[in-house]
Amino acid sequence: MSSSYRNPARLRLAVSSACVVAVAAALPLGTCLAAQTYVEPRFDLRAETNDNFNLVPGGSPDSDVYGYIADLQALIGIATPRSDTSIRPRIRLQEYPDRDDLERLEAFLDIRSQYDWERSALLVLGNYSRQDSYNADQPSGEFDPLDPTDPANPGSGDILIGETRTLFAIRPNYTFELTERTSFGFEADYQDVSYDAGSGQATQTDYNFTIGEGFVSWSLDPKSDFRVGAYVSRYEAKDNSTDSDAYGGEVGYQYRWSESIGAEVSVTYEQDDTTNYLPVPVEESTSNWGGTITGYRTGEVSSWRVTAGRTFIPTGDSEKAISDQFRVQYDRDLSERLSFRGAGRFEARTAIGGNAGNNDRDFARADLTLKWMMAPTWYVQGGYSYIWQDRENASSDAANNKLFISVGYQALRRQRR
């Protein structure tokens, strides 16, 4: 809950350092000179209005809020004969005249790097973000093209304007082919999350989360794969209030009808050993079943992706939680210039262990957008968002209706230099 990031100089240093580390990690020694690169800059200027910005049950006159948002980003691609790396720096500037204490600057850095050798492959996914907790708690159902499997779990739903969440995450995945059909590998996920409310008290707790999994996979035929894995994880609240050690197993299957159509299904079992240290140490063991199912299709004029299932996630509520989620995204070109996007998300969150019920939350969001290309690189778009939540410790549920319009620029795909 450090306030060091309130210092602009320290923020610039942190972001710059993260960029340097990410770029250095993405570029193996000796490949820079042989690399092909491309840059796709993009910016979006938006105006929006909300009828219940604070998600107050029953509404509130102070929740009728309008704002202006500038989103600037660039997708940088670096390709060599054995690697393909995408780096996406992004900043988001927001101004809500009725909310002076809202964090005005948000910063993000995402990286995806794939390395291939004769019999092995390494995929590294990295993320850094400093984001207002209000926005972090209300993600859309859209899938990130750099990392479509990232669930982007929202927080507790406590609305504290001005609180920020800083996230650093890295996920390496290494696979080695034993035979033409059999391979084994290891993947890990490390997350460091902290919250800052300035001079106030943060509503959520800083934490670290680490998970490692070993797996074996078999290619049943050119279109399908079967996978078995075992994993261990550790969750630690940084205020020393809670820690949780877990272990489990996973069975997965995927089938691809073609390069653009496929489905994946997995089943997991997890045992959690949790210790709550306040006011006195209390140990508890729980076990749960989970799993996910995902389908996707990409056509000439439309595409969709849907995923549903139960996962076990770290949270800022000093505990892990069970997350039952459903997400869907549908894109369609209505004409050469006009396109539609619809995205939705529903999550029911239940705490694991003795604190169950204190921070349980149901959350839903739907986004509808129409986009018209004024020119090959310039567009105007407008849309509507419906955001709803029902918290266990709130008197009733609450909803927000959001309308927006924006104008922006997006570079043509894969500009090489």
Protein backbone atom coordinates (compact mmCIF):
# COMPACT_ATOMS: atom_id res chain seq x y z
CA MET A 1 0.00 0.00 0.00
CA SER A 2 2.94 2.22 -0.67
CA SER A 3 2.33 5.72 -2.00
CA SER A 4 5.62 5.93 -3.88
CA TYR A 5 3.86 5.92 -7.25
CA ARG A 6 2.10 9.16 -6.42
CA ASN A 7 5.43 10.82 -7.21
CA PRO A 8 5.39 11.58 -10.97
CA ALA A 9 9.17 11.21 -11.29
CA ARG A 10 9.05 7.79 -9.69
CA LEU A 11 6.17 6.80 -11.94
CA ARG A 12 8.11 7.81 -15.05
CA LEU A 13 11.14 5.89 -13.81
CA ALA A 14 9.06 2.79 -13.08
CA VAL A 15 7.40 2.80 -16.48
CA SER A 16 10.69 3.47 -18.28
CA SER A 17 12.41 0.68 -16.39
CA ALA A 18 9.59 -1.73 -17.21
CA CYS A 19 9.86 -0.85 -20.89
CA VAL A 20 13.62 -1.38 -20.94
CA VAL A 21 13.35 -4.73 -19.17
CA ALA A 22 10.56 -5.92 -21.46
CA VAL A 23 12.38 -4.96 -24.65
CA ALA A 24 15.62 -6.49 -23.42
CA ALA A 25 13.85 -9.73 -22.58
CA ALA A 26 12.15 -9.80 -25.96
CA LEU A 27 15.31 -9.49 -28.02
CA PRO A 28 17.75 -12.40 -27.89
CA LEU A 29 21.40 -11.40 -28.29
CA GLY A 30 22.46 -11.23 -31.90
CA THR A 31 18.98 -11.16 -33.47
CA CYS A 32 18.40 -7.41 -33.60
CA LEU A 33 20.29 -6.87 -36.85
CA ALA A 34 18.38 -9.66 -38.61
CA ALA A 35 14.98 -8.66 -37.29
CA GLN A 36 12.09 -7.30 -39.34
CA THR A 37 9.99 -4.77 -37.47
CA TYR A 38 6.68 -3.00 -37.86
CA VAL A 39 4.90 -0.30 -35.90
CA GLU A 40 1.14 0.25 -35.67
CA PRO A 41 0.34 3.48 -33.77
CA ARG A 42 -3.19 4.19 -32.64
CA PHE A 43 -5.05 6.83 -30.64
CA ASP A 44 -8.67 7.29 -29.63
CA LEU A 45 -10.40 10.42 -28.27
CA ARG A 46 -13.65 9.68 -26.45
CA ALA A 47 -16.49 11.49 -24.69
CA GLU A 48 -18.84 9.51 -22.47
CA THR A 49 -21.72 9.93 -20.05
CA ASN A 50 -22.78 7.68 -17.13
CA ASP A 51 -26.07 7.67 -15.23
CA ASN A 52 -24.72 5.77 -12.16
CA PHE A 53 -20.95 6.11 -12.27
CA ASN A 54 -20.43 5.05 -8.64
CA LEU A 55 -22.76 2.04 -8.94
CA VAL A 56 -24.81 3.24 -6.00
CA PRO A 57 -27.82 0.98 -5.23
CA GLY A 58 -30.90 2.92 -6.24
CA GLY A 59 -28.84 5.57 -8.00
CA SER A 60 -27.58 8.96 -6.85
CA PRO A 61 -27.60 12.51 -8.29
CA ASP A 62 -23.80 12.60 -7.87
CA SER A 63 -23.41 9.51 -10.06
CA ASP A 64 -24.59 11.27 -13.24
CA VAL A 65 -21.07 11.82 -14.58
CA TYR A 66 -19.52 12.71 -17.93
CA GLY A 67 -15.88 12.52 -18.94
CA TYR A 68 -13.25 12.71 -21.67
CA ILE A 69 -10.67 10.02 -22.39
CA ALA A 70 -7.58 9.93 -24.62
CA ASP A 71 -6.09 6.50 -25.32
CA LEU A 72 -2.70 6.31 -27.07
CA GLN A 73 -0.90 3.07 -27.91
CA ALA A 74 1.42 1.42 -30.39
CA LEU A 75 1.88 -2.20 -31.40
CA ILE A 76 5.55 -2.90 -32.11
CA GLY A 77 6.40 -6.15 -33.84
CA ILE A 78 9.84 -7.73 -34.11
CA ALA A 79 10.27 -10.90 -36.17
CA THR A 80 13.31 -13.09 -36.80
CA PRO A 81 13.56 -16.55 -38.40
CA ARG A 82 13.11 -18.11 -34.95
CA SER A 83 11.12 -15.57 -32.97
CA ASP A 84 8.11 -13.30 -33.11
CA THR A 85 7.67 -10.56 -30.52
CA SER A 86 4.87 -8.04 -29.99
CA ILE A 87 5.26 -5.10 -27.60
CA ARG A 88 2.35 -2.78 -26.82
CA PRO A 89 2.97 0.36 -24.73
CA ARG A 90 -0.17 2.31 -23.90
CA ILE A 91 -1.22 5.35 -21.87
CA ARG A 92 -4.74 6.45 -20.99
CA LEU A 93 -5.57 10.02 -19.97
CA GLN A 94 -8.98 10.60 -18.43
CA GLU A 95 -10.73 13.72 -17.20
CA TYR A 96 -14.03 13.65 -15.30
CA PRO A 97 -14.88 17.24 -14.30
CA ASP A 98 -17.08 16.05 -11.41
CA ARG A 99 -14.44 13.60 -10.15
CA ASP A 100 -11.23 15.51 -9.43
CA ASP A 101 -9.85 12.66 -7.31
CA LEU A 102 -10.00 10.08 -10.11
CA GLU A 103 -6.55 8.92 -11.26
CA ARG A 104 -5.96 10.84 -14.50
CA LEU A 105 -3.04 8.88 -15.95
CA GLU A 106 -3.03 5.13 -16.53
CA ALA A 107 -0.05 3.29 -18.01
CA PHE A 108 0.20 -0.18 -19.55
CA LEU A 109 2.87 -2.34 -21.15
CA ASP A 110 2.14 -5.75 -22.68
CA ILE A 111 4.55 -8.16 -24.31
CA ARG A 112 4.16 -11.46 -26.13
CA SER A 113 7.29 -13.24 -27.34
CA GLN A 114 7.51 -16.62 -29.06
CA TYR A 115 10.79 -18.47 -29.69
CA ASP A 116 10.99 -21.68 -31.74
CA TRP A 117 13.81 -24.18 -32.00
CA GLU A 118 13.96 -27.51 -33.80
CA ARG A 119 12.22 -29.48 -31.03
CA SER A 120 11.20 -26.89 -28.46
CA ALA A 121 9.36 -23.61 -28.06
CA LEU A 122 9.20 -20.83 -25.46
CA LEU A 123 6.32 -18.39 -25.09
CA VAL A 124 6.66 -15.45 -22.68
CA LEU A 125 3.72 -13.20 -21.79
CA GLY A 126 4.34 -10.11 -19.67
CA ASN A 127 2.08 -7.36 -18.37
CA TYR A 128 2.56 -4.15 -16.42
CA SER A 129 -0.26 -1.78 -15.60
CA ARG A 130 -0.98 1.12 -13.29
CA GLN A 131 -4.73 1.58 -13.48
CA ASP A 132 -7.47 3.22 -11.50
CA SER A 133 -9.19 0.55 -9.37
CA TYR A 134 -12.56 1.73 -10.69
CA ASN A 135 -11.60 0.72 -14.24
CA ALA A 136 -9.76 -2.43 -13.14
CA ASP A 137 -12.91 -3.61 -11.35
CA GLN A 138 -15.11 -3.26 -14.44
CA PRO A 139 -13.41 -5.00 -17.40
CA SER A 140 -15.34 -5.64 -20.59
CA GLY A 141 -15.88 -9.03 -22.16
CA GLU A 142 -13.48 -8.28 -25.03
CA PHE A 143 -10.60 -10.72 -25.52
CA ASP A 144 -7.10 -9.27 -25.75
CA PRO A 145 -5.65 -10.25 -29.16
CA LEU A 146 -2.17 -10.58 -27.61
CA ASP A 147 -3.44 -12.85 -24.83
CA PRO A 148 -7.01 -14.10 -25.39
CA THR A 149 -6.78 -16.59 -22.49
CA ASP A 150 -6.17 -13.86 -19.88
CA PRO A 151 -9.37 -13.69 -17.77
CA ALA A 152 -8.77 -10.06 -16.62
CA ASN A 153 -10.41 -10.73 -13.27
CA PRO A 154 -12.17 -7.73 -11.75
CA GLY A 155 -11.62 -6.76 -8.12
CA SER A 156 -13.94 -6.62 -5.15
CA GLY A 157 -16.30 -3.99 -6.53
CA ASP A 158 -15.72 -1.45 -3.76
CA ILE A 159 -15.85 1.92 -5.49
CA LEU A 160 -13.17 4.22 -4.10
CA ILE A 161 -12.46 7.02 -6.53
CA GLY A 162 -8.75 7.75 -6.70
CA GLU A 163 -7.48 4.32 -5.67
CA THR A 164 -5.03 2.75 -8.10
CA ARG A 165 -3.93 -0.82 -8.77
CA THR A 166 -0.41 -1.61 -9.94
CA LEU A 167 0.06 -5.03 -11.53
CA PHE A 168 3.18 -6.83 -12.72
CA ALA A 169 2.74 -10.30 -14.22
CA ILE A 170 4.92 -12.67 -16.23
CA ARG A 171 3.95 -16.07 -17.66
CA PRO A 172 6.56 -18.25 -19.38
CA ASN A 173 5.60 -21.49 -21.12
CA TYR A 174 8.24 -23.96 -22.36
CA THR A 175 7.47 -27.07 -24.46
CA PHE A 176 9.81 -29.82 -25.66
CA GLU A 177 8.86 -32.47 -28.25
CA LEU A 178 9.85 -35.99 -27.20
CA THR A 179 8.40 -37.56 -30.34
CA GLU A 180 6.27 -36.42 -33.25
CA ARG A 181 3.16 -36.86 -31.11
CA THR A 182 4.34 -36.49 -27.52
CA SER A 183 5.70 -33.44 -25.73
CA PHE A 184 6.19 -32.23 -22.19
CA GLY A 185 6.63 -28.80 -20.72
CA PHE A 186 6.40 -26.34 -17.88
CA GLU A 187 4.51 -23.12 -17.43
CA ALA A 188 4.42 -20.59 -14.61
CA ASP A 189 2.55 -17.45 -13.63
CA TYR A 190 3.84 -14.80 -11.23
CA GLN A 191 1.72 -11.80 -10.19
CA ASP A 192 2.60 -8.87 -7.95
CA VAL A 193 -0.37 -6.60 -7.21
CA SER A 194 -0.49 -3.50 -5.02
CA TYR A 195 -3.10 -0.84 -4.27
CA ASP A 196 -2.65 2.83 -3.43
CA ALA A 197 -5.29 5.23 -2.17
CA GLY A 198 -2.98 8.19 -1.60
CA SER A 199 -3.67 9.69 1.81
CA GLY A 200 -6.68 7.40 2.31
CA GLN A 201 -7.03 3.73 3.20
CA ALA A 202 -7.00 1.32 0.27
CA THR A 203 -10.06 -0.93 0.07
CA GLN A 204 -8.03 -3.95 -1.10
CA THR A 205 -4.91 -5.78 0.04
CA ASP A 206 -1.58 -6.09 -1.77
CA TYR A 207 -0.63 -9.64 -2.66
CA ASN A 208 1.78 -11.98 -4.47
CA PHE A 209 0.65 -15.06 -6.37
CA THR A 210 2.82 -17.77 -7.95
CA ILE A 211 1.80 -20.93 -9.79
CA GLY A 212 3.87 -23.55 -11.60
CA GLU A 213 2.64 -26.48 -13.68
CA GLY A 214 4.27 -29.43 -15.41
CA PHE A 215 2.37 -31.14 -18.22
CA VAL A 216 2.50 -33.85 -20.88
CA SER A 217 0.52 -33.62 -24.12
CA TRP A 218 -0.27 -36.06 -26.92
CA SER A 219 -1.34 -35.31 -30.49
CA LEU A 220 -4.12 -37.80 -31.09
CA ASP A 221 -4.26 -36.78 -34.76
CA PRO A 222 -3.42 -33.65 -36.80
CA LYS A 223 -6.55 -31.91 -35.48
CA SER A 224 -6.70 -32.82 -31.78
CA ASP A 225 -4.52 -32.83 -28.65
CA PHE A 226 -4.87 -34.29 -25.15
CA ARG A 227 -3.06 -32.88 -22.12
CA VAL A 228 -2.49 -33.89 -18.48
CA GLY A 229 -0.83 -31.62 -15.92
CA ALA A 230 -0.18 -31.10 -12.23
CA TYR A 231 0.46 -27.77 -10.51
CA VAL A 232 1.25 -26.05 -7.22
CA SER A 233 0.56 -22.44 -6.23
CA ARG A 234 1.02 -19.99 -3.39
CA TYR A 235 -0.99 -16.89 -2.49
CA GLU A 236 0.39 -14.38 0.04
CA ALA A 237 -1.32 -11.23 1.31
CA LYS A 238 1.42 -8.62 1.84
CA ASP A 239 -0.10 -7.49 5.15
CA ASN A 240 0.62 -11.00 6.52
CA SER A 241 -3.08 -11.64 7.15
CA THR A 242 -3.46 -14.68 4.90
CA ASP A 243 -1.53 -17.19 2.87
CA SER A 244 -2.70 -20.18 0.88
CA ASP A 245 -0.84 -23.15 -0.59
CA ALA A 246 -2.61 -25.15 -3.27
CA TYR A 247 -1.99 -28.13 -5.49
CA GLY A 248 -4.09 -29.67 -8.20
CA GLY A 249 -4.36 -31.45 -11.51
CA GLU A 250 -5.72 -30.66 -14.95
CA VAL A 251 -6.94 -32.67 -17.94
CA GLY A 252 -7.49 -30.88 -21.24
CA TYR A 253 -8.56 -31.58 -24.81
CA GLN A 254 -8.66 -29.37 -27.89
CA TYR A 255 -9.95 -29.94 -31.40
CA ARG A 256 -9.36 -27.77 -34.48
CA TRP A 257 -11.64 -28.20 -37.47
CA SER A 258 -9.40 -25.71 -39.30
CA GLU A 259 -6.95 -22.91 -38.51
CA SER A 260 -9.89 -20.57 -37.89
CA ILE A 261 -12.35 -22.88 -36.06
CA GLY A 262 -11.66 -24.75 -32.85
CA ALA A 263 -12.73 -25.69 -29.34
CA GLU A 264 -10.97 -26.41 -26.06
CA VAL A 265 -12.17 -28.02 -22.84
CA SER A 266 -10.40 -28.65 -19.52
CA VAL A 267 -11.25 -30.09 -16.09
CA THR A 268 -9.30 -29.20 -12.93
CA TYR A 269 -9.25 -30.28 -9.30
CA GLU A 270 -7.62 -28.13 -6.61
CA GLN A 271 -6.85 -28.53 -2.92
CA ASP A 272 -6.27 -25.31 -0.94
CA ASP A 273 -4.62 -25.12 2.48
CA THR A 274 -5.33 -21.63 3.82
CA THR A 275 -4.10 -19.93 7.00
CA ASN A 276 -5.80 -16.79 8.29
CA TYR A 277 -3.51 -15.12 10.86
CA LEU A 278 -5.87 -12.44 12.18
CA PRO A 279 -6.95 -12.21 14.94
CA VAL A 280 -5.41 -15.64 15.68
CA PRO A 281 -4.02 -18.25 13.26
CA VAL A 282 -6.76 -20.47 11.82
CA GLU A 283 -6.01 -23.20 9.29
CA GLU A 284 -8.53 -24.54 6.81
CA SER A 285 -8.41 -27.01 3.90
CA THR A 286 -10.87 -26.97 1.01
CA SER A 287 -11.12 -28.77 -2.32
CA ASN A 288 -13.03 -27.84 -5.45
CA TRP A 289 -13.62 -28.91 -9.04
CA GLY A 290 -13.28 -26.48 -11.91
CA GLY A 291 -12.87 -26.33 -15.66
CA THR A 292 -13.41 -24.23 -18.77
CA ILE A 293 -14.75 -24.62 -22.28
CA THR A 294 -13.83 -22.30 -25.16
CA GLY A 295 -14.97 -22.06 -28.77
CA TYR A 296 -13.84 -19.73 -31.54
CA ARG A 297 -14.36 -19.07 -35.24
CA THR A 298 -12.92 -16.52 -37.66
CA GLY A 299 -14.65 -16.00 -41.01
CA GLU A 300 -14.39 -13.57 -43.90
CA VAL A 301 -16.84 -11.01 -42.50
CA SER A 302 -17.41 -12.16 -38.92
CA SER A 303 -15.71 -13.79 -35.96
CA TRP A 304 -16.67 -14.89 -32.49
CA ARG A 305 -15.11 -16.32 -29.35
CA VAL A 306 -16.85 -17.62 -26.24
CA THR A 307 -15.53 -19.09 -23.01
CA ALA A 308 -17.23 -20.31 -19.84
CA GLY A 309 -16.09 -22.12 -16.73
CA ARG A 310 -14.83 -22.11 -13.16
CA THR A 311 -11.31 -21.07 -12.13
CA PHE A 312 -9.50 -20.40 -8.85
CA ILE A 313 -8.08 -16.90 -8.74
CA PRO A 314 -6.09 -14.59 -6.44
CA THR A 315 -7.86 -11.42 -5.28
CA GLY A 316 -7.20 -8.23 -3.35
CA ASP A 317 -9.64 -9.34 -0.65
CA SER A 318 -6.95 -11.14 1.41
CA GLU A 319 -8.06 -14.48 -0.02
CA LYS A 320 -8.42 -16.62 -3.11
CA ALA A 321 -11.79 -17.04 -4.74
CA ILE A 322 -13.81 -19.27 -7.02
CA SER A 323 -14.68 -17.43 -10.23
CA ASP A 324 -17.55 -18.68 -12.41
CA GLN A 325 -17.28 -16.74 -15.66
CA PHE A 326 -18.93 -16.44 -19.04
CA ARG A 327 -17.42 -14.23 -21.76
CA VAL A 328 -18.37 -13.71 -25.39
CA GLN A 329 -17.25 -11.46 -28.23
CA TYR A 330 -18.77 -11.14 -31.70
CA ASP A 331 -17.40 -9.00 -34.56
CA ARG A 332 -19.01 -8.46 -37.95
CA ASP A 333 -18.32 -6.27 -40.97
CA LEU A 334 -21.65 -4.77 -41.99
CA SER A 335 -20.14 -3.09 -45.06
CA GLU A 336 -16.73 -2.08 -46.36
CA ARG A 337 -16.62 0.78 -43.86
CA LEU A 338 -19.09 -0.10 -41.13
CA SER A 339 -18.46 -2.77 -38.48
CA PHE A 340 -20.13 -4.00 -35.30
CA ARG A 341 -18.70 -5.42 -32.10
CA GLY A 342 -20.61 -6.94 -29.21
CA ALA A 343 -18.92 -8.19 -26.05
CA GLY A 344 -20.30 -9.48 -22.77
CA ARG A 345 -19.04 -10.78 -19.44
CA PHE A 346 -20.65 -12.32 -16.37
CA GLU A 347 -18.78 -13.35 -13.24
CA ALA A 348 -20.02 -14.85 -9.98
CA ARG A 349 -17.25 -14.75 -7.38
CA THR A 350 -17.24 -16.76 -4.14
CA ALA A 351 -14.43 -16.62 -1.60
CA ILE A 352 -12.57 -19.81 -0.70
CA GLY A 353 -12.36 -20.58 2.98
CA GLY A 354 -13.60 -19.07 6.21
CA ASN A 355 -14.13 -15.55 4.83
CA ALA A 356 -16.66 -16.81 2.30
CA GLY A 357 -19.54 -14.36 1.85
CA ASN A 358 -17.77 -11.20 3.01
CA ASN A 359 -16.66 -10.11 -0.47
CA ASP A 360 -18.79 -12.27 -2.77
CA ARG A 361 -19.83 -10.42 -5.89
CA ASP A 362 -21.83 -10.92 -9.08
CA PHE A 363 -20.76 -8.70 -11.97
CA ALA A 364 -21.97 -8.30 -15.54
CA ARG A 365 -21.11 -6.00 -18.41
CA ALA A 366 -22.29 -5.72 -22.02
CA ASP A 367 -20.74 -3.47 -24.69
CA LEU A 368 -22.21 -2.68 -28.13
CA THR A 369 -20.15 -0.64 -30.61
CA LEU A 370 -20.59 0.59 -34.19
CA LYS A 371 -17.48 1.76 -36.03
CA TRP A 372 -17.34 3.65 -39.31
CA MET A 373 -14.09 4.14 -41.22
CA MET A 374 -14.01 7.68 -42.58
CA ALA A 375 -10.74 6.88 -44.34
CA PRO A 376 -8.41 3.85 -44.41
CA THR A 377 -6.84 4.95 -41.11
CA TRP A 378 -9.43 7.29 -39.51
CA TYR A 379 -12.66 6.25 -37.83
CA VAL A 380 -15.57 7.43 -35.74
CA GLN A 381 -17.44 5.10 -33.42
CA GLY A 382 -20.16 5.15 -30.83
CA GLY A 383 -21.67 2.70 -28.44
CA TYR A 384 -23.47 1.72 -25.29
CA SER A 385 -22.33 -0.16 -22.18
CA TYR A 386 -24.43 -1.70 -19.44
CA ILE A 387 -22.58 -2.41 -16.16
CA TRP A 388 -24.21 -4.25 -13.24
CA GLN A 389 -23.03 -5.62 -9.93
CA ASP A 390 -24.54 -7.23 -6.84
CA ARG A 391 -22.26 -7.33 -3.79
CA GLU A 392 -22.96 -9.57 -0.81
CA ASN A 393 -22.39 -6.76 1.73
CA ALA A 394 -24.45 -4.17 -0.18
CA SER A 395 -28.13 -3.46 0.40
CA SER A 396 -29.08 -4.22 -3.23
CA ASP A 397 -27.68 -4.45 -6.72
CA ALA A 398 -26.72 -1.45 -8.87
CA ALA A 399 -26.39 -0.67 -12.58
CA ASN A 400 -24.80 1.97 -14.77
CA ASN A 401 -25.73 2.92 -18.34
CA LYS A 402 -22.90 4.42 -20.36
CA LEU A 403 -23.04 6.12 -23.77
CA PHE A 404 -19.92 7.15 -25.68
CA ILE A 405 -18.69 8.54 -28.98
CA SER A 406 -15.10 8.72 -30.17
CA VAL A 407 -12.86 9.54 -33.08
CA GLY A 408 -9.53 7.90 -33.68
CA TYR A 409 -6.65 6.82 -35.86
CA GLN A 410 -5.35 3.29 -36.44
CA ALA A 411 -2.41 2.52 -38.69
CA LEU A 412 -2.72 0.04 -41.51
CA ARG A 413 -1.88 -3.51 -40.49
CA ARG A 414 1.80 -4.53 -40.16
CA GLN A 415 3.69 -1.50 -41.38
CA ARG A 416 7.26 -2.69 -41.89
CA ARG A 417 10.40 -0.60 -41.95
